[in-house]
Amino acid sequence: MNEMKLSKRLSAVADFIPEGAILADIGSDHAYLPSYAVMNGKIQKAIAGEVVEGPYQSAVKQVEKTGLSNQIDVRKGDGLAVLKPSEATCITIAGMGGGLIAKILEDGKNKLERAERLVLQPNVHANHVRTWLIANGWELIAESILEEDQKIYEILVAEKGNPMKPYEHKNEAAAILYGPFLMQEKNEVFLKKWTREKAHWTSVISQIEKGKSTEESIKRRQDMEELIKMAEEVLT
């Protein structure tokens, strides 16, 4: 029963799910993550939420195929609307943009009363998620960054607590963009991601210089220069 393999990305998300949690996996696609967590005995009960008909049907079939229908409830609906208040103790949202993850959390705040942990994996704009966590009393307790199939992913883990704790004694703007734990660890994948971003910002400045100078282009150049300066401080 525990032969199911996950992608490197989803496996890293699964590592942060607490033993015995009641899991709600939002945007569950094929329900691979909850299926894996149940099959490996990490959790006993999960809700898989999916808003799109195709992935919803795929999730239903996956759960039926693995014989987990008594433990995983597949529901169709938008974001946290699939949950009853105080139903899940751990929420996972993986494989979306950071802006969308923040919106899902904001729109479904009333469903988070019982939640003890959020495990969030934005494909881009993780800073939007960090900003939401700070504004809503969730303390970032761990971060991870990994590369799979030439794409780089960040994972953010938060629990209720002091949202400013991980940002103490740090440049807050930099820590929100880069991640307070990730910028401290500075592993190979982190350095690769932000060296690439810095090169992109430098290229944008070159393009701006070739074009007509306008108020907008001057402002954009200043923004890029500030990002490059911050990157130089973080990456050294």
C-alpha atoms as a PDB file:
ATOM      1  CA  MET A   1       0.000   0.000   0.000  1.00  0.00           C
ATOM      2  CA  ASN A   2       2.929   2.401   0.441  1.00  0.00           C
ATOM      3  CA  GLU A   3       4.511   2.063  -3.011  1.00  0.00           C
ATOM      4  CA  MET A   4       3.230   5.400  -4.309  1.00  0.00           C
ATOM      5  CA  LYS A   5       5.952   7.791  -5.479  1.00  0.00           C
ATOM      6  CA  LEU A   6       5.624  11.574  -5.435  1.00  0.00           C
ATOM      7  CA  SER A   7       7.541  14.189  -7.385  1.00  0.00           C
ATOM      8  CA  LYS A   8      10.498  15.722  -5.547  1.00  0.00           C
ATOM      9  CA  ARG A   9       8.424  18.912  -5.084  1.00  0.00           C
ATOM     10  CA  LEU A  10       5.358  17.214  -3.577  1.00  0.00           C
ATOM     11  CA  SER A  11       7.514  14.875  -1.509  1.00  0.00           C
ATOM     12  CA  ALA A  12       9.158  17.927   0.081  1.00  0.00           C
ATOM     13  CA  VAL A  13       5.689  19.369   0.832  1.00  0.00           C
ATOM     14  CA  ALA A  14       4.607  16.021   2.345  1.00  0.00           C
ATOM     15  CA  ASP A  15       7.616  16.062   4.698  1.00  0.00           C
ATOM     16  CA  PHE A  16       6.135  19.119   6.457  1.00  0.00           C
ATOM     17  CA  ILE A  17       2.687  17.563   7.102  1.00  0.00           C
ATOM     18  CA  PRO A  18       2.481  16.731  10.846  1.00  0.00           C
ATOM     19  CA  GLU A  19       1.834  13.124  11.896  1.00  0.00           C
ATOM     20  CA  GLY A  20      -1.854  12.541  12.585  1.00  0.00           C
ATOM     21  CA  ALA A  21      -3.008  15.824  11.031  1.00  0.00           C
ATOM     22  CA  ILE A  22      -6.420  16.219   9.451  1.00  0.00           C
ATOM     23  CA  LEU A  23      -5.226  17.448   6.067  1.00  0.00           C
ATOM     24  CA  ALA A  24      -6.940  19.747   3.599  1.00  0.00           C
ATOM     25  CA  ASP A  25      -5.083  19.824   0.277  1.00  0.00           C
ATOM     26  CA  ILE A  26      -6.409  22.737  -1.763  1.00  0.00           C
ATOM     27  CA  GLY A  27      -5.929  22.587  -5.532  1.00  0.00           C
ATOM     28  CA  SER A  28      -5.278  18.885  -5.076  1.00  0.00           C
ATOM     29  CA  ASP A  29      -5.196  17.998  -8.797  1.00  0.00           C
ATOM     30  CA  HIS A  30      -4.957  14.170  -8.808  1.00  0.00           C
ATOM     31  CA  ALA A  31      -5.053  13.994  -4.973  1.00  0.00           C
ATOM     32  CA  TYR A  32      -1.523  12.568  -5.052  1.00  0.00           C
ATOM     33  CA  LEU A  33      -0.405  14.408  -1.914  1.00  0.00           C
ATOM     34  CA  PRO A  34      -3.245  13.291   0.424  1.00  0.00           C
ATOM     35  CA  SER A  35      -3.163   9.777  -1.083  1.00  0.00           C
ATOM     36  CA  TYR A  36       0.561   9.504  -0.383  1.00  0.00           C
ATOM     37  CA  ALA A  37       0.215  10.842   3.176  1.00  0.00           C
ATOM     38  CA  VAL A  38      -2.589   8.368   4.000  1.00  0.00           C
ATOM     39  CA  MET A  39      -0.933   5.386   2.285  1.00  0.00           C
ATOM     40  CA  ASN A  40       2.273   5.979   4.231  1.00  0.00           C
ATOM     41  CA  GLY A  41       0.407   6.148   7.556  1.00  0.00           C
ATOM     42  CA  LYS A  42       1.314   9.765   8.207  1.00  0.00           C
ATOM     43  CA  ILE A  43      -2.333  10.828   8.429  1.00  0.00           C
ATOM     44  CA  GLN A  44      -5.663   9.008   8.678  1.00  0.00           C
ATOM     45  CA  LYS A  45      -8.043  11.564   7.164  1.00  0.00           C
ATOM     46  CA  ALA A  46      -7.847  14.165   4.391  1.00  0.00           C
ATOM     47  CA  ILE A  47      -9.962  16.453   2.259  1.00  0.00           C
ATOM     48  CA  ALA A  48      -8.881  17.049  -1.336  1.00  0.00           C
ATOM     49  CA  GLY A  49     -10.329  20.235  -2.819  1.00  0.00           C
ATOM     50  CA  GLU A  50     -10.339  21.033  -6.527  1.00  0.00           C
ATOM     51  CA  VAL A  51     -12.259  23.720  -8.403  1.00  0.00           C
ATOM     52  CA  VAL A  52     -11.675  22.526 -12.006  1.00  0.00           C
ATOM     53  CA  GLU A  53     -13.836  19.657 -13.260  1.00  0.00           C
ATOM     54  CA  GLY A  54     -11.043  17.676 -15.012  1.00  0.00           C
ATOM     55  CA  PRO A  55      -8.633  17.570 -12.047  1.00  0.00           C
ATOM     56  CA  TYR A  56     -11.571  16.989  -9.685  1.00  0.00           C
ATOM     57  CA  GLN A  57     -12.571  13.856 -11.649  1.00  0.00           C
ATOM     58  CA  SER A  58      -8.912  12.754 -11.719  1.00  0.00           C
ATOM     59  CA  ALA A  59      -8.773  13.107  -7.914  1.00  0.00           C
ATOM     60  CA  VAL A  60     -11.978  11.073  -7.481  1.00  0.00           C
ATOM     61  CA  LYS A  61     -10.551   8.294  -9.705  1.00  0.00           C
ATOM     62  CA  GLN A  62      -7.177   8.309  -7.918  1.00  0.00           C
ATOM     63  CA  VAL A  63      -8.810   7.972  -4.488  1.00  0.00           C
ATOM     64  CA  GLU A  64     -11.116   5.186  -5.707  1.00  0.00           C
ATOM     65  CA  LYS A  65      -8.223   3.365  -7.405  1.00  0.00           C
ATOM     66  CA  THR A  66      -6.150   3.371  -4.221  1.00  0.00           C
ATOM     67  CA  GLY A  67      -9.121   2.274  -2.077  1.00  0.00           C
ATOM     68  CA  LEU A  68      -8.942   5.356   0.130  1.00  0.00           C
ATOM     69  CA  SER A  69     -12.497   6.678  -0.279  1.00  0.00           C
ATOM     70  CA  ASN A  70     -13.216   6.174   3.444  1.00  0.00           C
ATOM     71  CA  GLN A  71     -10.241   8.336   4.410  1.00  0.00           C
ATOM     72  CA  ILE A  72     -10.017  10.961   1.664  1.00  0.00           C
ATOM     73  CA  ASP A  73     -13.043  13.090   0.862  1.00  0.00           C
ATOM     74  CA  VAL A  74     -12.714  14.672  -2.589  1.00  0.00           C
ATOM     75  CA  ARG A  75     -14.735  17.884  -2.868  1.00  0.00           C
ATOM     76  CA  LYS A  76     -15.344  20.274  -5.721  1.00  0.00           C
ATOM     77  CA  GLY A  77     -15.220  23.953  -4.853  1.00  0.00           C
ATOM     78  CA  ASP A  78     -13.197  27.152  -4.885  1.00  0.00           C
ATOM     79  CA  GLY A  79     -10.280  27.338  -2.447  1.00  0.00           C
ATOM     80  CA  LEU A  80     -11.124  26.900   1.243  1.00  0.00           C
ATOM     81  CA  ALA A  81     -14.863  27.017   0.463  1.00  0.00           C
ATOM     82  CA  VAL A  82     -14.734  23.189   0.323  1.00  0.00           C
ATOM     83  CA  LEU A  83     -14.108  23.117   4.109  1.00  0.00           C
ATOM     84  CA  LYS A  84     -16.419  23.464   7.062  1.00  0.00           C
ATOM     85  CA  PRO A  85     -15.111  25.847   9.751  1.00  0.00           C
ATOM     86  CA  SER A  86     -12.567  24.160  12.073  1.00  0.00           C
ATOM     87  CA  GLU A  87     -12.414  21.028   9.922  1.00  0.00           C
ATOM     88  CA  ALA A  88      -8.692  20.715   9.088  1.00  0.00           C
ATOM     89  CA  THR A  89      -5.585  20.979  11.262  1.00  0.00           C
ATOM     90  CA  CYS A  90      -3.123  21.270   8.365  1.00  0.00           C
ATOM     91  CA  ILE A  91      -3.701  23.062   5.059  1.00  0.00           C
ATOM     92  CA  THR A  92      -1.507  22.441   2.028  1.00  0.00           C
ATOM     93  CA  ILE A  93      -1.684  24.640  -1.079  1.00  0.00           C
ATOM     94  CA  ALA A  94       0.908  23.750  -3.706  1.00  0.00           C
ATOM     95  CA  GLY A  95       1.670  24.543  -7.325  1.00  0.00           C
ATOM     96  CA  MET A  96       0.037  27.976  -7.704  1.00  0.00           C
ATOM     97  CA  GLY A  97       1.270  31.548  -7.850  1.00  0.00           C
ATOM     98  CA  GLY A  98       1.912  33.300  -4.554  1.00  0.00           C
ATOM     99  CA  GLY A  99      -0.738  35.930  -5.260  1.00  0.00           C
ATOM    100  CA  LEU A 100      -3.398  33.251  -5.752  1.00  0.00           C
ATOM    101  CA  ILE A 101      -2.338  31.364  -2.605  1.00  0.00           C
ATOM    102  CA  ALA A 102      -2.594  34.599  -0.586  1.00  0.00           C
ATOM    103  CA  LYS A 103      -6.067  35.264  -2.073  1.00  0.00           C
ATOM    104  CA  ILE A 104      -7.265  31.733  -1.231  1.00  0.00           C
ATOM    105  CA  LEU A 105      -6.111  32.191   2.373  1.00  0.00           C
ATOM    106  CA  GLU A 106      -7.646  35.662   2.627  1.00  0.00           C
ATOM    107  CA  ASP A 107     -10.991  34.579   1.149  1.00  0.00           C
ATOM    108  CA  GLY A 108     -11.163  31.543   3.432  1.00  0.00           C
ATOM    109  CA  LYS A 109      -9.832  33.001   6.693  1.00  0.00           C
ATOM    110  CA  ASN A 110     -12.901  31.817   8.612  1.00  0.00           C
ATOM    111  CA  LYS A 111     -11.967  28.199   7.747  1.00  0.00           C
ATOM    112  CA  LEU A 112      -8.554  28.432   9.431  1.00  0.00           C
ATOM    113  CA  GLU A 113      -9.701  28.466  13.086  1.00  0.00           C
ATOM    114  CA  ARG A 114      -8.599  24.899  13.813  1.00  0.00           C
ATOM    115  CA  ALA A 115      -5.601  24.962  11.479  1.00  0.00           C
ATOM    116  CA  GLU A 116      -2.309  24.490  13.314  1.00  0.00           C
ATOM    117  CA  ARG A 117      -0.040  24.525  10.279  1.00  0.00           C
ATOM    118  CA  LEU A 118       0.009  25.909   6.722  1.00  0.00           C
ATOM    119  CA  VAL A 119       2.331  24.299   4.167  1.00  0.00           C
ATOM    120  CA  LEU A 120       2.437  26.534   1.101  1.00  0.00           C
ATOM    121  CA  GLN A 121       4.349  26.006  -2.132  1.00  0.00           C
ATOM    122  CA  PRO A 122       4.087  29.000  -4.460  1.00  0.00           C
ATOM    123  CA  ASN A 123       5.544  28.552  -7.949  1.00  0.00           C
ATOM    124  CA  VAL A 124       6.290  32.305  -8.107  1.00  0.00           C
ATOM    125  CA  HIS A 125       5.907  35.407  -5.900  1.00  0.00           C
ATOM    126  CA  ALA A 126       6.519  33.736  -2.539  1.00  0.00           C
ATOM    127  CA  ASN A 127       6.849  37.283  -1.150  1.00  0.00           C
ATOM    128  CA  HIS A 128       3.060  37.733  -1.521  1.00  0.00           C
ATOM    129  CA  VAL A 129       2.542  34.711   0.732  1.00  0.00           C
ATOM    130  CA  ARG A 130       5.046  35.947   3.339  1.00  0.00           C
ATOM    131  CA  THR A 131       3.308  39.338   3.385  1.00  0.00           C
ATOM    132  CA  TRP A 132      -0.081  37.678   3.976  1.00  0.00           C
ATOM    133  CA  LEU A 133       1.308  35.528   6.785  1.00  0.00           C
ATOM    134  CA  ILE A 134       2.729  38.587   8.574  1.00  0.00           C
ATOM    135  CA  ALA A 135      -0.559  40.499   8.244  1.00  0.00           C
ATOM    136  CA  ASN A 136      -2.596  37.590   9.609  1.00  0.00           C
ATOM    137  CA  GLY A 137      -0.624  36.409  12.633  1.00  0.00           C
ATOM    138  CA  TRP A 138       1.051  33.339  11.114  1.00  0.00           C
ATOM    139  CA  GLU A 139       4.686  32.770  12.037  1.00  0.00           C
ATOM    140  CA  LEU A 140       6.965  31.347   9.370  1.00  0.00           C
ATOM    141  CA  ILE A 141       8.747  28.430  11.086  1.00  0.00           C
ATOM    142  CA  ALA A 142      10.577  26.805   8.159  1.00  0.00           C
ATOM    143  CA  GLU A 143      11.360  27.276   4.481  1.00  0.00           C
ATOM    144  CA  SER A 144      12.785  25.033   1.808  1.00  0.00           C
ATOM    145  CA  ILE A 145      13.971  25.625  -1.751  1.00  0.00           C
ATOM    146  CA  LEU A 146      14.536  22.902  -4.335  1.00  0.00           C
ATOM    147  CA  GLU A 147      14.990  22.351  -8.044  1.00  0.00           C
ATOM    148  CA  GLU A 148      13.121  19.792 -10.133  1.00  0.00           C
ATOM    149  CA  ASP A 149      13.023  19.547 -13.928  1.00  0.00           C
ATOM    150  CA  GLN A 150      14.908  22.846 -14.215  1.00  0.00           C
ATOM    151  CA  LYS A 151      12.284  24.694 -12.169  1.00  0.00           C
ATOM    152  CA  ILE A 152      12.935  26.132  -8.722  1.00  0.00           C
ATOM    153  CA  TYR A 153      10.301  25.906  -5.996  1.00  0.00           C
ATOM    154  CA  GLU A 154      10.014  27.400  -2.510  1.00  0.00           C
ATOM    155  CA  ILE A 155       8.054  25.846   0.367  1.00  0.00           C
ATOM    156  CA  LEU A 156       6.838  27.987   3.274  1.00  0.00           C
ATOM    157  CA  VAL A 157       5.678  26.454   6.571  1.00  0.00           C
ATOM    158  CA  ALA A 158       3.767  28.585   9.080  1.00  0.00           C
ATOM    159  CA  GLU A 159       2.073  28.144  12.455  1.00  0.00           C
ATOM    160  CA  LYS A 160       0.164  30.588  14.626  1.00  0.00           C
ATOM    161  CA  GLY A 161       2.581  32.677  16.651  1.00  0.00           C
ATOM    162  CA  ASN A 162       4.664  35.833  16.377  1.00  0.00           C
ATOM    163  CA  PRO A 163       4.700  36.670  12.654  1.00  0.00           C
ATOM    164  CA  MET A 164       7.647  39.069  12.990  1.00  0.00           C
ATOM    165  CA  LYS A 165       9.923  36.598  14.834  1.00  0.00           C
ATOM    166  CA  PRO A 166      11.753  35.279  11.726  1.00  0.00           C
ATOM    167  CA  TYR A 167      12.347  38.838  10.513  1.00  0.00           C
ATOM    168  CA  GLU A 168      14.017  40.122  13.693  1.00  0.00           C
ATOM    169  CA  HIS A 169      17.540  41.536  13.153  1.00  0.00           C
ATOM    170  CA  LYS A 170      17.099  41.284   9.380  1.00  0.00           C
ATOM    171  CA  ASN A 171      16.388  43.699   6.547  1.00  0.00           C
ATOM    172  CA  GLU A 172      12.619  43.126   6.479  1.00  0.00           C
ATOM    173  CA  ALA A 173      12.136  44.013   2.805  1.00  0.00           C
ATOM    174  CA  ALA A 174      14.922  41.611   1.791  1.00  0.00           C
ATOM    175  CA  ALA A 175      13.652  38.836   4.078  1.00  0.00           C
ATOM    176  CA  ILE A 176      10.121  39.085   2.641  1.00  0.00           C
ATOM    177  CA  LEU A 177      11.474  38.810  -0.918  1.00  0.00           C
ATOM    178  CA  TYR A 178      14.185  36.192  -0.344  1.00  0.00           C
ATOM    179  CA  GLY A 179      12.821  34.343   2.684  1.00  0.00           C
ATOM    180  CA  PRO A 180      14.320  34.833   6.171  1.00  0.00           C
ATOM    181  CA  PHE A 181      15.436  31.210   6.534  1.00  0.00           C
ATOM    182  CA  LEU A 182      16.489  30.760   2.910  1.00  0.00           C
ATOM    183  CA  MET A 183      18.664  33.893   2.850  1.00  0.00           C
ATOM    184  CA  GLN A 184      20.364  32.700   6.027  1.00  0.00           C
ATOM    185  CA  GLU A 185      21.046  29.211   4.672  1.00  0.00           C
ATOM    186  CA  LYS A 186      21.991  30.382   1.125  1.00  0.00           C
ATOM    187  CA  ASN A 187      22.103  26.921  -0.372  1.00  0.00           C
ATOM    188  CA  GLU A 188      23.129  26.175  -3.957  1.00  0.00           C
ATOM    189  CA  VAL A 189      19.577  26.345  -5.369  1.00  0.00           C
ATOM    190  CA  PHE A 190      18.895  29.674  -3.623  1.00  0.00           C
ATOM    191  CA  LEU A 191      22.103  31.187  -5.038  1.00  0.00           C
ATOM    192  CA  LYS A 192      21.270  29.852  -8.505  1.00  0.00           C
ATOM    193  CA  LYS A 193      17.755  31.330  -8.452  1.00  0.00           C
ATOM    194  CA  TRP A 194      18.736  34.803  -7.305  1.00  0.00           C
ATOM    195  CA  THR A 195      21.908  35.035  -9.411  1.00  0.00           C
ATOM    196  CA  ARG A 196      19.638  34.354 -12.391  1.00  0.00           C
ATOM    197  CA  GLU A 197      17.122  36.975 -11.220  1.00  0.00           C
ATOM    198  CA  LYS A 198      19.894  39.534 -10.738  1.00  0.00           C
ATOM    199  CA  ALA A 199      21.118  38.903 -14.295  1.00  0.00           C
ATOM    200  CA  HIS A 200      17.551  39.406 -15.534  1.00  0.00           C
ATOM    201  CA  TRP A 201      17.237  42.734 -13.707  1.00  0.00           C
ATOM    202  CA  THR A 202      20.574  43.866 -15.188  1.00  0.00           C
ATOM    203  CA  SER A 203      19.272  42.938 -18.656  1.00  0.00           C
ATOM    204  CA  VAL A 204      16.076  44.947 -18.028  1.00  0.00           C
ATOM    205  CA  ILE A 205      18.181  48.022 -17.194  1.00  0.00           C
ATOM    206  CA  SER A 206      20.119  47.574 -20.466  1.00  0.00           C
ATOM    207  CA  GLN A 207      16.829  47.481 -22.400  1.00  0.00           C
ATOM    208  CA  ILE A 208      15.560  50.591 -20.580  1.00  0.00           C
ATOM    209  CA  GLU A 209      18.771  52.460 -21.444  1.00  0.00           C
ATOM    210  CA  LYS A 210      18.255  51.700 -25.141  1.00  0.00           C
ATOM    211  CA  GLY A 211      14.722  53.079 -25.101  1.00  0.00           C
ATOM    212  CA  LYS A 212      13.215  56.535 -24.751  1.00  0.00           C
ATOM    213  CA  SER A 213      13.555  58.099 -21.294  1.00  0.00           C
ATOM    214  CA  THR A 214      10.165  58.635 -19.684  1.00  0.00           C
ATOM    215  CA  GLU A 215       8.997  59.135 -16.118  1.00  0.00           C
ATOM    216  CA  GLU A 216       7.864  55.509 -16.098  1.00  0.00           C
ATOM    217  CA  SER A 217      11.173  54.155 -17.476  1.00  0.00           C
ATOM    218  CA  ILE A 218      13.207  56.207 -14.976  1.00  0.00           C
ATOM    219  CA  LYS A 219      11.101  54.803 -12.102  1.00  0.00           C
ATOM    220  CA  ARG A 220      11.445  51.238 -13.441  1.00  0.00           C
ATOM    221  CA  ARG A 221      15.204  51.614 -13.707  1.00  0.00           C
ATOM    222  CA  GLN A 222      15.402  52.882 -10.120  1.00  0.00           C
ATOM    223  CA  ASP A 223      13.333  49.883  -8.945  1.00  0.00           C
ATOM    224  CA  MET A 224      15.651  47.482 -10.798  1.00  0.00           C
ATOM    225  CA  GLU A 225      18.742  49.185  -9.362  1.00  0.00           C
ATOM    226  CA  GLU A 226      17.354  48.831  -5.835  1.00  0.00           C
ATOM    227  CA  LEU A 227      16.650  45.129  -6.433  1.00  0.00           C
ATOM    228  CA  ILE A 228      20.190  44.596  -7.750  1.00  0.00           C
ATOM    229  CA  LYS A 229      21.709  46.384  -4.759  1.00  0.00           C
ATOM    230  CA  MET A 230      19.635  44.236  -2.386  1.00  0.00           C
ATOM    231  CA  ALA A 231      20.650  41.075  -4.276  1.00  0.00           C
ATOM    232  CA  GLU A 232      24.340  41.986  -3.991  1.00  0.00           C
ATOM    233  CA  GLU A 233      23.959  42.368  -0.215  1.00  0.00           C
ATOM    234  CA  VAL A 234      22.052  39.092   0.170  1.00  0.00           C
ATOM    235  CA  LEU A 235      24.207  36.976  -2.159  1.00  0.00           C
ATOM    236  CA  THR A 236      27.604  37.945  -0.734  1.00  0.00           C
END
